C-alpha atoms as a PDB file:
ATOM      1  CA  UNK A   1     209.256   4.929  20.863  1.00  0.00           C
ATOM      2  CA  UNK A   2     209.386   5.866  24.314  1.00  0.00           C
ATOM      3  CA  UNK A   3     212.055   8.509  25.231  1.00  0.00           C
ATOM      4  CA  UNK A   4     212.932   8.362  28.861  1.00  0.00           C
ATOM      5  CA  UNK A   5     215.981   9.188  30.997  1.00  0.00           C
ATOM      6  CA  UNK A   6     218.441   6.572  31.158  1.00  0.00           C
ATOM      7  CA  UNK A   7     217.879   4.229  34.308  1.00  0.00           C
ATOM      8  CA  UNK A   8     214.582   5.819  34.919  1.00  0.00           C
ATOM      9  CA  UNK A   9     211.023   3.571  34.638  1.00  0.00           C
ATOM     10  CA  UNK A  10     209.045   4.613  31.822  1.00  0.00           C
ATOM     11  CA  UNK A  11     205.932   2.688  33.111  1.00  0.00           C
ATOM     12  CA  UNK A  12     203.099   3.497  35.404  1.00  0.00           C
ATOM     13  CA  UNK A  13     200.727   1.695  37.693  1.00  0.00           C
ATOM     14  CA  UNK A  14     198.306   0.860  34.874  1.00  0.00           C
ATOM     15  CA  UNK A  15     200.917  -0.926  32.684  1.00  0.00           C
ATOM     16  CA  UNK A  16     200.977  -3.789  35.557  1.00  0.00           C
ATOM     17  CA  UNK A  17     197.409  -4.459  35.265  1.00  0.00           C
ATOM     18  CA  UNK A  18     197.706  -7.011  32.458  1.00  0.00           C
ATOM     19  CA  UNK A  19     200.571  -8.845  34.258  1.00  0.00           C
ATOM     20  CA  UNK A  20     198.443  -9.012  37.420  1.00  0.00           C
ATOM     21  CA  UNK A  21     195.537 -10.447  35.736  1.00  0.00           C
ATOM     22  CA  UNK A  22     197.770 -13.033  34.201  1.00  0.00           C
ATOM     23  CA  UNK A  23     198.963 -14.154  37.728  1.00  0.00           C
ATOM     24  CA  UNK A  24     195.493 -14.402  38.666  1.00  0.00           C
ATOM     25  CA  UNK A  25     194.536 -16.908  35.661  1.00  0.00           C
ATOM     26  CA  UNK A  26     193.019 -14.035  33.744  1.00  0.00           C
ATOM     27  CA  UNK A  27     190.098 -13.308  36.195  1.00  0.00           C
ATOM     28  CA  UNK A  28     187.643 -10.813  34.743  1.00  0.00           C
ATOM     29  CA  UNK A  29     186.202  -9.772  38.201  1.00  0.00           C
ATOM     30  CA  UNK A  30     189.075  -7.589  38.912  1.00  0.00           C
ATOM     31  CA  UNK A  31     188.883  -3.666  37.696  1.00  0.00           C
ATOM     32  CA  UNK A  32     191.906  -1.666  36.927  1.00  0.00           C
ATOM     33  CA  UNK A  33     191.167   0.543  40.009  1.00  0.00           C
ATOM     34  CA  UNK A  34     190.997  -2.511  42.476  1.00  0.00           C
ATOM     35  CA  UNK A  35     194.413  -3.639  40.813  1.00  0.00           C
ATOM     36  CA  UNK A  36     196.033  -0.218  41.112  1.00  0.00           C
ATOM     37  CA  UNK A  37     195.146   0.222  44.998  1.00  0.00           C
ATOM     38  CA  UNK A  38     196.715  -3.255  45.490  1.00  0.00           C
ATOM     39  CA  UNK A  39     199.849  -2.018  43.497  1.00  0.00           C
ATOM     40  CA  UNK A  40     199.824   0.976  45.575  1.00  0.00           C
ATOM     41  CA  UNK A  41     199.738  -1.038  48.786  1.00  0.00           C
ATOM     42  CA  UNK A  42     202.745  -3.406  47.391  1.00  0.00           C
ATOM     43  CA  UNK A  43     204.878  -0.360  46.581  1.00  0.00           C
ATOM     44  CA  UNK A  44     204.367   1.298  49.890  1.00  0.00           C
ATOM     45  CA  UNK A  45     205.298  -2.176  51.555  1.00  0.00           C
ATOM     46  CA  UNK A  46     208.367  -2.849  49.468  1.00  0.00           C
ATOM     47  CA  UNK A  47     209.595   0.480  49.251  1.00  0.00           C
ATOM     48  CA  UNK A  48     209.422   1.218  52.967  1.00  0.00           C
ATOM     49  CA  UNK A  49     212.218  -1.609  53.971  1.00  0.00           C
ATOM     50  CA  UNK A  50     214.468  -1.585  50.710  1.00  0.00           C
ATOM     51  CA  UNK A  51     216.926   0.882  49.000  1.00  0.00           C
ATOM     52  CA  UNK A  52     215.580   2.225  45.948  1.00  0.00           C
ATOM     53  CA  UNK A  53     217.880   4.940  43.862  1.00  0.00           C
ATOM     54  CA  UNK A  54     214.688   6.151  42.158  1.00  0.00           C
ATOM     55  CA  UNK A  55     213.352   7.421  45.473  1.00  0.00           C
ATOM     56  CA  UNK A  56     216.485   8.980  46.812  1.00  0.00           C
ATOM     57  CA  UNK A  57     215.984  12.582  47.677  1.00  0.00           C
ATOM     58  CA  UNK A  58     217.459  15.057  45.279  1.00  0.00           C
ATOM     59  CA  UNK A  59     216.757  17.892  47.616  1.00  0.00           C
ATOM     60  CA  UNK A  60     218.359  17.577  50.902  1.00  0.00           C
ATOM     61  CA  UNK A  61     218.436  20.658  53.047  1.00  0.00           C
ATOM     62  CA  UNK A  62     221.561  21.828  54.965  1.00  0.00           C
ATOM     63  CA  UNK A  63     220.749  22.171  58.766  1.00  0.00           C
ATOM     64  CA  UNK A  64     222.756  24.048  61.455  1.00  0.00           C
ATOM     65  CA  UNK A  65     222.880  22.038  64.655  1.00  0.00           C
ATOM     66  CA  UNK A  66     224.444  23.471  67.768  1.00  0.00           C
ATOM     67  CA  UNK A  67     223.682  24.492  71.551  1.00  0.00           C
ATOM     68  CA  UNK A  68     220.202  25.661  71.884  1.00  0.00           C
ATOM     69  CA  UNK A  69     219.141  25.215  68.332  1.00  0.00           C
ATOM     70  CA  UNK A  70     217.290  21.735  68.707  1.00  0.00           C
ATOM     71  CA  UNK A  71     213.709  21.146  69.265  1.00  0.00           C
ATOM     72  CA  UNK A  72     212.173  23.416  71.804  1.00  0.00           C
ATOM     73  CA  UNK A  73     215.547  25.108  72.522  1.00  0.00           C
ATOM     74  CA  UNK A  74     217.068  21.475  73.322  1.00  0.00           C
ATOM     75  CA  UNK A  75     221.148  21.235  72.960  1.00  0.00           C
ATOM     76  CA  UNK A  76     220.903  17.504  71.493  1.00  0.00           C
ATOM     77  CA  UNK A  77     217.098  16.600  70.416  1.00  0.00           C
ATOM     78  CA  UNK A  78     216.046  17.275  66.926  1.00  0.00           C
ATOM     79  CA  UNK A  79     213.046  16.443  65.043  1.00  0.00           C
ATOM     80  CA  UNK A  80     213.642  14.277  61.981  1.00  0.00           C
ATOM     81  CA  UNK A  81     211.502  16.687  59.804  1.00  0.00           C
ATOM     82  CA  UNK A  82     214.085  19.312  60.535  1.00  0.00           C
ATOM     83  CA  UNK A  83     216.432  17.462  58.101  1.00  0.00           C
ATOM     84  CA  UNK A  84     213.640  16.818  55.410  1.00  0.00           C
ATOM     85  CA  UNK A  85     212.714  19.116  52.723  1.00  0.00           C
ATOM     86  CA  UNK A  86     209.234  20.683  52.844  1.00  0.00           C
ATOM     87  CA  UNK A  87     206.417  18.258  51.954  1.00  0.00           C
ATOM     88  CA  UNK A  88     208.713  14.973  52.258  1.00  0.00           C
ATOM     89  CA  UNK A  89     207.937  11.889  54.138  1.00  0.00           C
ATOM     90  CA  UNK A  90     210.943   9.490  54.203  1.00  0.00           C
ATOM     91  CA  UNK A  91     211.176   5.578  54.657  1.00  0.00           C
ATOM     92  CA  UNK A  92     214.690   5.031  55.105  1.00  0.00           C
ATOM     93  CA  UNK A  93     217.822   7.111  56.137  1.00  0.00           C
ATOM     94  CA  UNK A  94     221.528   7.124  55.850  1.00  0.00           C
ATOM     95  CA  UNK A  95     223.807   8.209  58.521  1.00  0.00           C
ATOM     96  CA  UNK A  96     223.856  12.091  59.017  1.00  0.00           C
ATOM     97  CA  UNK A  97     226.749  13.877  57.593  1.00  0.00           C
ATOM     98  CA  UNK A  98     228.451  16.593  59.376  1.00  0.00           C
ATOM     99  CA  UNK A  99     230.654  19.363  58.159  1.00  0.00           C
ATOM    100  CA  UNK A 100     233.428  19.928  60.370  1.00  0.00           C
ATOM    101  CA  UNK A 101     235.086  22.996  58.848  1.00  0.00           C
ATOM    102  CA  UNK A 102     233.569  26.076  60.560  1.00  0.00           C
ATOM    103  CA  UNK A 103     232.710  29.533  59.041  1.00  0.00           C
ATOM    104  CA  UNK A 104     231.361  28.488  55.587  1.00  0.00           C
ATOM    105  CA  UNK A 105     227.700  28.177  55.202  1.00  0.00           C
ATOM    106  CA  UNK A 106     226.521  25.986  52.472  1.00  0.00           C
ATOM    107  CA  UNK A 107     222.728  25.748  51.117  1.00  0.00           C
ATOM    108  CA  UNK A 108     222.916  22.298  49.978  1.00  0.00           C
ATOM    109  CA  UNK A 109     225.175  19.185  50.140  1.00  0.00           C
ATOM    110  CA  UNK A 110     225.793  19.692  46.402  1.00  0.00           C
ATOM    111  CA  UNK A 111     227.799  23.022  47.239  1.00  0.00           C
ATOM    112  CA  UNK A 112     229.894  21.230  50.038  1.00  0.00           C
ATOM    113  CA  UNK A 113     233.446  21.704  49.048  1.00  0.00           C
ATOM    114  CA  UNK A 114     236.909  22.384  50.473  1.00  0.00           C
ATOM    115  CA  UNK A 115     235.485  21.191  53.911  1.00  0.00           C
ATOM    116  CA  UNK A 116     235.938  18.173  55.949  1.00  0.00           C
ATOM    117  CA  UNK A 117     232.844  16.065  56.343  1.00  0.00           C
ATOM    118  CA  UNK A 118     232.303  12.812  58.464  1.00  0.00           C
ATOM    119  CA  UNK A 119     229.260  10.404  58.375  1.00  0.00           C
ATOM    120  CA  UNK A 120     228.093  10.073  61.845  1.00  0.00           C
ATOM    121  CA  UNK A 121     227.926   6.635  63.292  1.00  0.00           C
ATOM    122  CA  UNK A 122     224.931   5.211  64.999  1.00  0.00           C
ATOM    123  CA  UNK A 123     224.873   4.277  68.754  1.00  0.00           C
ATOM    124  CA  UNK A 124     221.888   2.531  70.723  1.00  0.00           C
ATOM    125  CA  UNK A 125     219.948   5.012  72.794  1.00  0.00           C
ATOM    126  CA  UNK A 126     221.367   3.166  76.084  1.00  0.00           C
ATOM    127  CA  UNK A 127     224.878   3.391  74.638  1.00  0.00           C
ATOM    128  CA  UNK A 128     224.704   7.367  73.860  1.00  0.00           C
ATOM    129  CA  UNK A 129     222.949   8.185  77.100  1.00  0.00           C
ATOM    130  CA  UNK A 130     226.056   8.741  79.399  1.00  0.00           C
ATOM    131  CA  UNK A 131     227.392  11.285  76.497  1.00  0.00           C
ATOM    132  CA  UNK A 132     224.356  13.481  76.558  1.00  0.00           C
ATOM    133  CA  UNK A 133     225.415  15.499  79.555  1.00  0.00           C
ATOM    134  CA  UNK A 134     228.835  16.304  78.094  1.00  0.00           C
ATOM    135  CA  UNK A 135     229.052  19.371  76.090  1.00  0.00           C
ATOM    136  CA  UNK A 136     231.867  20.905  73.967  1.00  0.00           C
ATOM    137  CA  UNK A 137     232.604  18.057  71.599  1.00  0.00           C
ATOM    138  CA  UNK A 138     231.865  17.130  68.014  1.00  0.00           C
ATOM    139  CA  UNK A 139     228.873  14.903  67.795  1.00  0.00           C
ATOM    140  CA  UNK A 140     230.234  12.232  65.671  1.00  0.00           C
ATOM    141  CA  UNK A 141     227.823   9.700  67.128  1.00  0.00           C
ATOM    142  CA  UNK A 142     224.004   9.853  66.759  1.00  0.00           C
ATOM    143  CA  UNK A 143     220.809   8.123  67.953  1.00  0.00           C
ATOM    144  CA  UNK A 144     217.275   8.794  67.846  1.00  0.00           C
ATOM    145  CA  UNK A 145     217.717  10.903  71.043  1.00  0.00           C
ATOM    146  CA  UNK A 146     220.449  12.953  69.440  1.00  0.00           C
ATOM    147  CA  UNK A 147     223.817  14.030  70.458  1.00  0.00           C
ATOM    148  CA  UNK A 148     225.105  17.407  72.113  1.00  0.00           C
ATOM    149  CA  UNK A 149     227.379  19.606  70.160  1.00  0.00           C
ATOM    150  CA  UNK A 150     229.470  22.334  71.649  1.00  0.00           C
ATOM    151  CA  UNK A 151     229.312  24.754  68.803  1.00  0.00           C
ATOM    152  CA  UNK A 152     227.148  25.107  65.382  1.00  0.00           C
ATOM    153  CA  UNK A 153     227.758  22.652  62.676  1.00  0.00           C
ATOM    154  CA  UNK A 154     226.089  22.249  59.469  1.00  0.00           C
ATOM    155  CA  UNK A 155     224.542  18.738  58.984  1.00  0.00           C
ATOM    156  CA  UNK A 156     222.586  16.959  56.174  1.00  0.00           C
ATOM    157  CA  UNK A 157     220.610  13.690  56.042  1.00  0.00           C
ATOM    158  CA  UNK A 158     220.565  11.579  53.009  1.00  0.00           C
ATOM    159  CA  UNK A 159     217.280   9.843  52.864  1.00  0.00           C
ATOM    160  CA  UNK A 160     214.819   7.898  50.781  1.00  0.00           C
ATOM    161  CA  UNK A 161     211.324   9.397  50.189  1.00  0.00           C
ATOM    162  CA  UNK A 162     207.874   7.447  50.395  1.00  0.00           C
ATOM    163  CA  UNK A 163     206.631   6.315  46.951  1.00  0.00           C
ATOM    164  CA  UNK A 164     204.354   9.059  45.841  1.00  0.00           C
ATOM    165  CA  UNK A 165     201.050   8.720  43.639  1.00  0.00           C
ATOM    166  CA  UNK A 166     199.094  10.941  41.452  1.00  0.00           C
ATOM    167  CA  UNK A 167     195.407  11.638  42.012  1.00  0.00           C
ATOM    168  CA  UNK A 168     194.510   9.248  39.164  1.00  0.00           C
ATOM    169  CA  UNK A 169     196.154   6.348  40.695  1.00  0.00           C
ATOM    170  CA  UNK A 170     196.489   4.074  37.420  1.00  0.00           C
ATOM    171  CA  UNK A 171     198.454   7.087  35.853  1.00  0.00           C
ATOM    172  CA  UNK A 172     201.034   7.212  38.689  1.00  0.00           C
ATOM    173  CA  UNK A 173     204.655   6.625  37.762  1.00  0.00           C
ATOM    174  CA  UNK A 174     206.712   3.800  39.082  1.00  0.00           C
ATOM    175  CA  UNK A 175     209.630   4.860  41.013  1.00  0.00           C
ATOM    176  CA  UNK A 176     211.340   1.100  40.884  1.00  0.00           C
ATOM    177  CA  UNK A 177     213.500  -0.651  38.420  1.00  0.00           C
ATOM    178  CA  UNK A 178     211.579  -2.269  35.601  1.00  0.00           C
ATOM    179  CA  UNK A 179     213.088  -5.687  36.886  1.00  0.00           C
ATOM    180  CA  UNK A 180     211.228  -5.165  40.039  1.00  0.00           C
ATOM    181  CA  UNK A 181     207.798  -4.926  38.377  1.00  0.00           C
ATOM    182  CA  UNK A 182     207.176  -8.797  38.389  1.00  0.00           C
ATOM    183  CA  UNK A 183     207.587  -8.596  42.191  1.00  0.00           C
ATOM    184  CA  UNK A 184     205.087  -5.822  42.453  1.00  0.00           C
ATOM    185  CA  UNK A 185     202.463  -7.648  40.243  1.00  0.00           C
ATOM    186  CA  UNK A 186     202.800 -10.902  42.372  1.00  0.00           C
ATOM    187  CA  UNK A 187     202.508  -8.901  45.522  1.00  0.00           C
ATOM    188  CA  UNK A 188     199.384  -6.864  44.329  1.00  0.00           C
ATOM    189  CA  UNK A 189     197.858 -10.208  43.007  1.00  0.00           C
ATOM    190  CA  UNK A 190     198.361 -11.819  46.543  1.00  0.00           C
ATOM    191  CA  UNK A 191     196.500  -8.941  48.031  1.00  0.00           C
ATOM    192  CA  UNK A 192     193.757  -9.274  45.472  1.00  0.00           C
ATOM    193  CA  UNK A 193     193.555 -12.951  46.125  1.00  0.00           C
ATOM    194  CA  UNK A 194     193.380 -12.380  49.993  1.00  0.00           C
ATOM    195  CA  UNK A 195     190.699  -9.712  49.661  1.00  0.00           C
ATOM    196  CA  UNK A 196     187.998  -9.437  46.899  1.00  0.00           C
ATOM    197  CA  UNK A 197     188.763 -12.830  45.412  1.00  0.00           C
ATOM    198  CA  UNK A 198     188.853 -14.889  48.651  1.00  0.00           C
ATOM    199  CA  UNK A 199     191.121 -17.277  47.044  1.00  0.00           C
ATOM    200  CA  UNK A 200     193.404 -18.980  49.755  1.00  0.00           C
ATOM    201  CA  UNK A 201     195.141 -21.593  47.365  1.00  0.00           C
ATOM    202  CA  UNK A 202     196.137 -18.921  45.138  1.00  0.00           C
ATOM    203  CA  UNK A 203     197.518 -16.828  47.994  1.00  0.00           C
ATOM    204  CA  UNK A 204     199.462 -19.858  49.228  1.00  0.00           C
ATOM    205  CA  UNK A 205     200.987 -20.325  45.522  1.00  0.00           C
ATOM    206  CA  UNK A 206     201.930 -16.653  45.078  1.00  0.00           C
ATOM    207  CA  UNK A 207     203.643 -16.657  48.771  1.00  0.00           C
ATOM    208  CA  UNK A 208     205.789 -19.564  47.459  1.00  0.00           C
ATOM    209  CA  UNK A 209     206.927 -17.680  44.289  1.00  0.00           C
ATOM    210  CA  UNK A 210     207.716 -14.478  46.316  1.00  0.00           C
ATOM    211  CA  UNK A 211     209.127 -15.809  49.585  1.00  0.00           C
ATOM    212  CA  UNK A 212     210.025 -19.235  48.684  1.00  0.00           C
ATOM    213  CA  UNK A 213     209.496 -22.547  50.775  1.00  0.00           C
ATOM    214  CA  UNK A 214     211.116 -22.178  54.159  1.00  0.00           C
ATOM    215  CA  UNK A 215     211.699 -26.011  54.088  1.00  0.00           C
ATOM    216  CA  UNK A 216     214.004 -25.405  51.099  1.00  0.00           C
ATOM    217  CA  UNK A 217     216.155 -22.397  52.063  1.00  0.00           C
ATOM    218  CA  UNK A 218     218.333 -23.144  49.304  1.00  0.00           C
ATOM    219  CA  UNK A 219     215.678 -22.301  46.857  1.00  0.00           C
ATOM    220  CA  UNK A 220     214.594 -18.699  47.645  1.00  0.00           C
ATOM    221  CA  UNK A 221     211.622 -16.907  46.325  1.00  0.00           C
ATOM    222  CA  UNK A 222     212.048 -14.067  43.589  1.00  0.00           C
ATOM    223  CA  UNK A 223     211.868 -11.365  46.189  1.00  0.00           C
ATOM    224  CA  UNK A 224     214.939 -12.786  47.977  1.00  0.00           C
ATOM    225  CA  UNK A 225     216.943 -13.460  44.706  1.00  0.00           C
ATOM    226  CA  UNK A 226     216.467 -10.116  43.310  1.00  0.00           C
ATOM    227  CA  UNK A 227     219.306  -7.534  43.621  1.00  0.00           C
ATOM    228  CA  UNK A 228     218.693  -3.988  44.567  1.00  0.00           C
ATOM    229  CA  UNK A 229     220.516  -1.237  42.529  1.00  0.00           C
ATOM    230  CA  UNK A 230     223.011  -0.629  45.229  1.00  0.00           C
ATOM    231  CA  UNK A 231     224.132  -4.323  45.377  1.00  0.00           C
ATOM    232  CA  UNK A 232     224.417  -4.259  41.450  1.00  0.00           C
ATOM    233  CA  UNK A 233     226.523  -0.917  41.732  1.00  0.00           C
ATOM    234  CA  UNK A 234     228.907  -2.720  44.414  1.00  0.00           C
ATOM    235  CA  UNK A 235     229.011  -5.917  42.600  1.00  0.00           C
ATOM    236  CA  UNK A 236     232.546  -5.492  41.180  1.00  0.00           C
ATOM    237  CA  UNK A 237     234.010  -2.970  43.824  1.00  0.00           C
ATOM    238  CA  UNK A 238     236.729  -3.904  45.983  1.00  0.00           C
ATOM    239  CA  UNK A 239     236.083  -4.367  49.606  1.00  0.00           C
ATOM    240  CA  UNK A 240     238.389  -3.341  52.485  1.00  0.00           C
ATOM    241  CA  UNK A 241     238.645  -5.446  55.740  1.00  0.00           C
ATOM    242  CA  UNK A 242     240.288  -3.893  58.648  1.00  0.00           C
ATOM    243  CA  UNK A 243     241.551  -6.085  61.451  1.00  0.00           C
ATOM    244  CA  UNK A 244     240.753  -5.272  64.988  1.00  0.00           C
ATOM    245  CA  UNK A 245     242.615  -6.786  68.046  1.00  0.00           C
ATOM    246  CA  UNK A 246     240.974  -6.182  71.183  1.00  0.00           C
ATOM    247  CA  UNK A 247     242.688  -6.002  74.812  1.00  0.00           C
ATOM    248  CA  UNK A 248     242.356  -8.878  77.100  1.00  0.00           C
END
């Protein structure tokens, strides 16, 4: 019996090997190591553009941002690595969260209490450019070029780390839901069919399974039909619509 934490995946890359071979008509000329490299590429590709709760960083640092505290003494430019834990690389990020209450210093987001926090809204670099020369305000907007705070504020950045692997690749744990393993198997099988097997017909068949036929959009592939954990969590939640009336 496998004793694992609720919601965690008890499997490793080697556990996908039989499923990959089955999707390649049980070919015997694919080694476990070749399949592991294909799974690695598939995981890096899929987890770079989709949200997976298993990859949400638990060690988000608190960063103090303010005049002269940015990159090379800048008032508004900060490197992304400033907001990451040491050794982390990220794939996706949420909006930075700024603590508006002054005077209290927190060492981690889990300690933030009795203070007002605000999720900063994204603006395009062009839209925010006129604001960069105006100091003294609260940076409630951000872009890749930053905003200019008028005084020090504590900020933290929720982010998703890049999928990690052990030195023995087949023994690497999977940081995806078990329901996504089939997609990873098909994606790895497609890479193997494209590469060492030189099997174009199989590549075409697997692409149809993964992405569907563009000529029949009402029949999406399994990748489009699979829901992320965040979508399942929101399934029964209420939604709020705020009507906006613009001036003529």
